[in-house]
PDB file of N, CA and C in Angstrom:
ATOM      1  N   MET A   1      10.722  12.860 -18.308  1.00  0.00           N
ATOM      2  CA  MET A   1      11.300  11.496 -18.099  1.00  0.00           C
ATOM      3  C   MET A   1      10.481  11.016 -16.960  1.00  0.00           C
ATOM      4  N   LEU A   2      10.196   9.704 -17.050  1.00  0.00           N
ATOM      5  CA  LEU A   2       9.385   8.969 -16.189  1.00  0.00           C
ATOM      6  C   LEU A   2       9.964   7.831 -15.835  1.00  0.00           C
ATOM      7  N   GLY A   3      10.382   7.790 -14.234  1.00  0.00           N
ATOM      8  CA  GLY A   3      10.866   6.869 -13.455  1.00  0.00           C
ATOM      9  C   GLY A   3       9.751   5.763 -12.909  1.00  0.00           C
ATOM     10  N   LEU A   4      10.076   4.676 -13.142  1.00  0.00           N
ATOM     11  CA  LEU A   4       9.067   3.595 -12.520  1.00  0.00           C
ATOM     12  C   LEU A   4       9.784   2.588 -11.604  1.00  0.00           C
ATOM     13  N   HIS A   5       9.186   2.150 -10.523  1.00  0.00           N
ATOM     14  CA  HIS A   5      10.003   1.371  -9.587  1.00  0.00           C
ATOM     15  C   HIS A   5       8.884   0.267  -9.219  1.00  0.00           C
ATOM     16  N   ARG A   6       9.143  -0.885  -9.273  1.00  0.00           N
ATOM     17  CA  ARG A   6       8.104  -1.954  -8.655  1.00  0.00           C
ATOM     18  C   ARG A   6       8.990  -3.036  -7.816  1.00  0.00           C
ATOM     19  N   SER A   7       8.236  -2.987  -6.783  1.00  0.00           N
ATOM     20  CA  SER A   7       8.938  -3.918  -5.755  1.00  0.00           C
ATOM     21  C   SER A   7       7.912  -5.008  -5.225  1.00  0.00           C
ATOM     22  N   GLU A   8       8.197  -6.066  -5.056  1.00  0.00           N
ATOM     23  CA  GLU A   8       7.297  -7.045  -4.557  1.00  0.00           C
ATOM     24  C   GLU A   8       7.793  -7.735  -3.074  1.00  0.00           C
ATOM     25  N   MET A   9       6.994  -7.871  -2.333  1.00  0.00           N
ATOM     26  CA  MET A   9       7.103  -8.509  -1.027  1.00  0.00           C
ATOM     27  C   MET A   9       5.975  -9.291  -0.538  1.00  0.00           C
ATOM     28  N   VAL A  10       6.042 -10.166   0.341  1.00  0.00           N
ATOM     29  CA  VAL A  10       5.080 -10.945   1.195  1.00  0.00           C
ATOM     30  C   VAL A  10       5.272 -10.400   2.597  1.00  0.00           C
ATOM     31  N   VAL A  11       4.040  -9.989   3.033  1.00  0.00           N
ATOM     32  CA  VAL A  11       3.842  -9.292   4.410  1.00  0.00           C
ATOM     33  C   VAL A  11       2.917 -10.279   5.216  1.00  0.00           C
ATOM     34  N   GLU A  12       3.313 -10.811   6.422  1.00  0.00           N
ATOM     35  CA  GLU A  12       2.414 -11.548   7.097  1.00  0.00           C
ATOM     36  C   GLU A  12       1.829 -10.784   8.142  1.00  0.00           C
ATOM     37  N   VAL A  13       0.489 -10.478   8.350  1.00  0.00           N
ATOM     38  CA  VAL A  13      -0.139  -9.901   9.401  1.00  0.00           C
ATOM     39  C   VAL A  13      -1.104 -10.822   9.876  1.00  0.00           C
ATOM     40  N   GLU A  14      -1.899 -10.338  11.171  1.00  0.00           N
ATOM     41  CA  GLU A  14      -3.014 -11.302  11.801  1.00  0.00           C
ATOM     42  C   GLU A  14      -4.199 -10.899  11.029  1.00  0.00           C
ATOM     43  N   PRO A  15      -4.962 -12.049  11.088  1.00  0.00           N
ATOM     44  CA  PRO A  15      -6.489 -11.808  10.472  1.00  0.00           C
ATOM     45  C   PRO A  15      -6.957 -10.640  11.088  1.00  0.00           C
ATOM     46  N   GLY A  16      -7.898  -9.983  10.267  1.00  0.00           N
ATOM     47  CA  GLY A  16      -8.513  -8.786  10.549  1.00  0.00           C
ATOM     48  C   GLY A  16      -7.625  -7.582  10.606  1.00  0.00           C
ATOM     49  N   SER A  17      -6.490  -7.759  10.184  1.00  0.00           N
ATOM     50  CA  SER A  17      -5.732  -6.538  10.124  1.00  0.00           C
ATOM     51  C   SER A  17      -6.006  -5.571   8.841  1.00  0.00           C
ATOM     52  N   THR A  18      -5.730  -4.308   9.240  1.00  0.00           N
ATOM     53  CA  THR A  18      -6.218  -3.280   8.323  1.00  0.00           C
ATOM     54  C   THR A  18      -4.832  -2.942   7.373  1.00  0.00           C
ATOM     55  N   LEU A  19      -5.344  -2.305   6.466  1.00  0.00           N
ATOM     56  CA  LEU A  19      -4.099  -1.718   5.343  1.00  0.00           C
ATOM     57  C   LEU A  19      -3.317  -0.845   6.081  1.00  0.00           C
ATOM     58  N   GLY A  20      -3.827  -0.097   6.892  1.00  0.00           N
ATOM     59  CA  GLY A  20      -3.069   0.614   7.719  1.00  0.00           C
ATOM     60  C   GLY A  20      -1.932  -0.136   8.622  1.00  0.00           C
ATOM     61  N   GLU A  21      -2.439  -0.993   9.063  1.00  0.00           N
ATOM     62  CA  GLU A  21      -1.355  -2.126   9.719  1.00  0.00           C
ATOM     63  C   GLU A  21      -0.182  -2.848   8.880  1.00  0.00           C
ATOM     64  N   VAL A  22      -0.644  -2.886   7.639  1.00  0.00           N
ATOM     65  CA  VAL A  22       0.241  -3.357   6.552  1.00  0.00           C
ATOM     66  C   VAL A  22       1.401  -2.206   6.434  1.00  0.00           C
ATOM     67  N   VAL A  23       0.653  -1.251   6.035  1.00  0.00           N
ATOM     68  CA  VAL A  23       1.706  -0.111   5.962  1.00  0.00           C
ATOM     69  C   VAL A  23       2.750   0.025   6.894  1.00  0.00           C
ATOM     70  N   ARG A  24       2.227   0.240   8.364  1.00  0.00           N
ATOM     71  CA  ARG A  24       3.031   0.266   9.341  1.00  0.00           C
ATOM     72  C   ARG A  24       4.239  -1.011   9.379  1.00  0.00           C
ATOM     73  N   ALA A  25       3.725  -2.288   9.123  1.00  0.00           N
ATOM     74  CA  ALA A  25       4.325  -3.224   9.218  1.00  0.00           C
ATOM     75  C   ALA A  25       5.720  -3.125   8.197  1.00  0.00           C
ATOM     76  N   VAL A  26       5.640  -2.475   7.154  1.00  0.00           N
ATOM     77  CA  VAL A  26       6.539  -2.505   6.082  1.00  0.00           C
ATOM     78  C   VAL A  26       7.406  -0.954   6.389  1.00  0.00           C
ATOM     79  N   ASN A  27       6.930  -0.487   7.426  1.00  0.00           N
ATOM     80  CA  ASN A  27       7.843   0.867   7.731  1.00  0.00           C
ATOM     81  C   ASN A  27       7.657   1.902   6.692  1.00  0.00           C
ATOM     82  N   ILE A  28       6.442   2.229   5.978  1.00  0.00           N
ATOM     83  CA  ILE A  28       6.288   3.282   5.089  1.00  0.00           C
ATOM     84  C   ILE A  28       6.014   4.565   5.958  1.00  0.00           C
ATOM     85  N   PRO A  29       6.715   5.554   5.791  1.00  0.00           N
ATOM     86  CA  PRO A  29       6.497   6.744   6.702  1.00  0.00           C
ATOM     87  C   PRO A  29       5.077   7.599   6.312  1.00  0.00           C
ATOM     88  N   ASP A  30       4.470   8.073   7.168  1.00  0.00           N
ATOM     89  CA  ASP A  30       3.073   8.788   6.982  1.00  0.00           C
ATOM     90  C   ASP A  30       3.516   9.859   5.660  1.00  0.00           C
ATOM     91  N   GLY A  31       2.651  10.188   5.077  1.00  0.00           N
ATOM     92  CA  GLY A  31       2.712  11.136   3.896  1.00  0.00           C
ATOM     93  C   GLY A  31       3.652  10.754   2.727  1.00  0.00           C
ATOM     94  N   VAL A  32       4.386   9.612   2.592  1.00  0.00           N
ATOM     95  CA  VAL A  32       4.964   9.214   1.574  1.00  0.00           C
ATOM     96  C   VAL A  32       4.198   8.607   0.237  1.00  0.00           C
ATOM     97  N   ILE A  33       3.355   7.993   0.856  1.00  0.00           N
ATOM     98  CA  ILE A  33       2.351   7.475  -0.001  1.00  0.00           C
ATOM     99  C   ILE A  33       1.129   8.035  -0.522  1.00  0.00           C
ATOM    100  N   MET A  34       0.382   8.318  -1.513  1.00  0.00           N
ATOM    101  CA  MET A  34      -0.609   9.220  -1.812  1.00  0.00           C
ATOM    102  C   MET A  34      -2.019   8.370  -1.836  1.00  0.00           C
ATOM    103  N   ALA A  35      -1.863   7.106  -2.206  1.00  0.00           N
ATOM    104  CA  ALA A  35      -3.120   6.131  -2.400  1.00  0.00           C
ATOM    105  C   ALA A  35      -2.615   4.611  -2.236  1.00  0.00           C
ATOM    106  N   PHE A  36      -3.681   3.937  -1.985  1.00  0.00           N
ATOM    107  CA  PHE A  36      -3.565   2.371  -2.120  1.00  0.00           C
ATOM    108  C   PHE A  36      -4.582   1.919  -2.930  1.00  0.00           C
ATOM    109  N   VAL A  37      -4.100   0.750  -3.525  1.00  0.00           N
ATOM    110  CA  VAL A  37      -5.006  -0.105  -4.374  1.00  0.00           C
ATOM    111  C   VAL A  37      -4.796  -1.440  -4.092  1.00  0.00           C
ATOM    112  N   VAL A  38      -6.266  -2.057  -3.667  1.00  0.00           N
ATOM    113  CA  VAL A  38      -6.094  -3.426  -3.083  1.00  0.00           C
ATOM    114  C   VAL A  38      -6.965  -4.188  -4.123  1.00  0.00           C
ATOM    115  N   ASN A  39      -6.312  -5.226  -4.970  1.00  0.00           N
ATOM    116  CA  ASN A  39      -7.004  -6.022  -5.935  1.00  0.00           C
ATOM    117  C   ASN A  39      -7.474  -4.939  -7.030  1.00  0.00           C
ATOM    118  N   GLY A  40      -6.921  -4.048  -7.322  1.00  0.00           N
ATOM    119  CA  GLY A  40      -7.443  -3.176  -8.425  1.00  0.00           C
ATOM    120  C   GLY A  40      -8.345  -2.019  -7.973  1.00  0.00           C
ATOM    121  N   LYS A  41      -8.494  -2.017  -6.900  1.00  0.00           N
ATOM    122  CA  LYS A  41      -9.601  -0.847  -6.248  1.00  0.00           C
ATOM    123  C   LYS A  41      -9.184   0.033  -5.057  1.00  0.00           C
ATOM    124  N   MET A  42      -9.336   1.201  -5.311  1.00  0.00           N
ATOM    125  CA  MET A  42      -8.816   2.216  -4.390  1.00  0.00           C
ATOM    126  C   MET A  42      -9.329   1.883  -2.937  1.00  0.00           C
ATOM    127  N   ARG A  43      -8.536   2.035  -2.045  1.00  0.00           N
ATOM    128  CA  ARG A  43      -9.110   1.827  -0.686  1.00  0.00           C
ATOM    129  C   ARG A  43      -8.322   2.619   0.444  1.00  0.00           C
ATOM    130  N   THR A  44      -8.874   2.710   1.559  1.00  0.00           N
ATOM    131  CA  THR A  44      -8.613   3.600   2.506  1.00  0.00           C
ATOM    132  C   THR A  44      -7.745   2.848   3.610  1.00  0.00           C
ATOM    133  N   LEU A  45      -7.096   3.486   4.592  1.00  0.00           N
ATOM    134  CA  LEU A  45      -6.073   2.562   5.665  1.00  0.00           C
ATOM    135  C   LEU A  45      -6.920   1.862   6.591  1.00  0.00           C
ATOM    136  N   ASP A  46      -8.366   2.049   6.760  1.00  0.00           N
ATOM    137  CA  ASP A  46      -9.089   1.120   7.443  1.00  0.00           C
ATOM    138  C   ASP A  46      -9.627  -0.069   7.022  1.00  0.00           C
ATOM    139  N   HIS A  47      -9.143  -0.209   5.651  1.00  0.00           N
ATOM    140  CA  HIS A  47      -9.801  -1.425   4.787  1.00  0.00           C
ATOM    141  C   HIS A  47      -9.154  -2.543   5.373  1.00  0.00           C
ATOM    142  N   GLU A  48     -10.001  -3.703   5.778  1.00  0.00           N
ATOM    143  CA  GLU A  48      -9.510  -4.848   6.179  1.00  0.00           C
ATOM    144  C   GLU A  48      -9.056  -5.808   5.091  1.00  0.00           C
ATOM    145  N   VAL A  49      -7.731  -6.216   5.190  1.00  0.00           N
ATOM    146  CA  VAL A  49      -6.877  -6.845   4.088  1.00  0.00           C
ATOM    147  C   VAL A  49      -7.407  -8.343   4.411  1.00  0.00           C
ATOM    148  N   ARG A  50      -7.097  -9.194   3.231  1.00  0.00           N
ATOM    149  CA  ARG A  50      -7.415 -10.425   3.390  1.00  0.00           C
ATOM    150  C   ARG A  50      -6.169 -11.414   2.649  1.00  0.00           C
ATOM    151  N   ASP A  51      -6.101 -12.642   3.095  1.00  0.00           N
ATOM    152  CA  ASP A  51      -4.969 -13.465   2.528  1.00  0.00           C
ATOM    153  C   ASP A  51      -5.161 -13.295   1.111  1.00  0.00           C
ATOM    154  N   GLY A  52      -3.794 -13.246   0.631  1.00  0.00           N
ATOM    155  CA  GLY A  52      -3.688 -13.380  -0.973  1.00  0.00           C
ATOM    156  C   GLY A  52      -3.981 -11.791  -1.691  1.00  0.00           C
ATOM    157  N   ASP A  53      -4.273 -10.938  -0.799  1.00  0.00           N
ATOM    158  CA  ASP A  53      -4.522  -9.596  -1.688  1.00  0.00           C
ATOM    159  C   ASP A  53      -3.241  -8.906  -2.191  1.00  0.00           C
ATOM    160  N   ASP A  54      -3.563  -8.408  -3.394  1.00  0.00           N
ATOM    161  CA  ASP A  54      -2.516  -7.575  -4.033  1.00  0.00           C
ATOM    162  C   ASP A  54      -2.542  -6.135  -3.771  1.00  0.00           C
ATOM    163  N   ILE A  55      -1.559  -5.741  -3.041  1.00  0.00           N
ATOM    164  CA  ILE A  55      -1.706  -4.163  -2.535  1.00  0.00           C
ATOM    165  C   ILE A  55      -0.523  -3.429  -3.356  1.00  0.00           C
ATOM    166  N   ALA A  56      -0.933  -2.347  -3.978  1.00  0.00           N
ATOM    167  CA  ALA A  56      -0.048  -1.305  -4.858  1.00  0.00           C
ATOM    168  C   ALA A  56      -0.178   0.119  -3.834  1.00  0.00           C
ATOM    169  N   ALA A  57       0.973   0.433  -3.651  1.00  0.00           N
ATOM    170  CA  ALA A  57       1.172   1.777  -3.215  1.00  0.00           C
ATOM    171  C   ALA A  57       1.496   2.830  -4.188  1.00  0.00           C
ATOM    172  N   ILE A  58       0.654   3.850  -4.297  1.00  0.00           N
ATOM    173  CA  ILE A  58       0.856   4.823  -5.382  1.00  0.00           C
ATOM    174  C   ILE A  58       1.447   6.240  -4.700  1.00  0.00           C
ATOM    175  N   HIS A  59       2.725   6.299  -5.115  1.00  0.00           N
ATOM    176  CA  HIS A  59       3.623   7.525  -4.611  1.00  0.00           C
ATOM    177  C   HIS A  59       2.950   8.692  -5.518  1.00  0.00           C
ATOM    178  N   PRO A  60       2.969  10.019  -4.568  1.00  0.00           N
ATOM    179  CA  PRO A  60       2.377  10.918  -5.459  1.00  0.00           C
ATOM    180  C   PRO A  60       3.604  11.683  -6.448  1.00  0.00           C
ATOM    181  N   LEU A  61       2.832  12.350  -7.315  1.00  0.00           N
ATOM    182  CA  LEU A  61       3.915  12.808  -8.583  1.00  0.00           C
ATOM    183  C   LEU A  61       3.902  14.410  -8.161  1.00  0.00           C
ATOM    184  N   SER A  62       5.173  14.811  -8.432  1.00  0.00           N
ATOM    185  CA  SER A  62       5.561  16.083  -8.358  1.00  0.00           C
ATOM    186  C   SER A  62       5.906  16.827  -9.794  1.00  0.00           C
ATOM    187  N   GLY A  63       5.723  17.872  -9.763  1.00  0.00           N
ATOM    188  CA  GLY A  63       6.186  18.707 -11.070  1.00  0.00           C
ATOM    189  C   GLY A  63       6.581  19.903 -10.760  1.00  0.00           C
ATOM    190  N   GLY A  64       6.697  20.567 -12.153  1.00  0.00           N
ATOM    191  CA  GLY A  64       7.163  22.101 -11.783  1.00  0.00           C
ATOM    192  C   GLY A  64       7.114  22.709 -13.196  1.00  0.00           C
TER     193      GLY A  64
END
């Protein structure tokens, strides 16, 4: 069984802010998200975000 969750929000940050600052602004705890995609491309937390960017957080999968 696969569970998918989609949530959208608008986050305002100062010009020059990084993806890491956006993550902190929405209170995502460290280690909860495995990867981030900005406008369809994998990015690191030091990536500078721009007005209108589409950011997706990819949660790690677990199995057994």
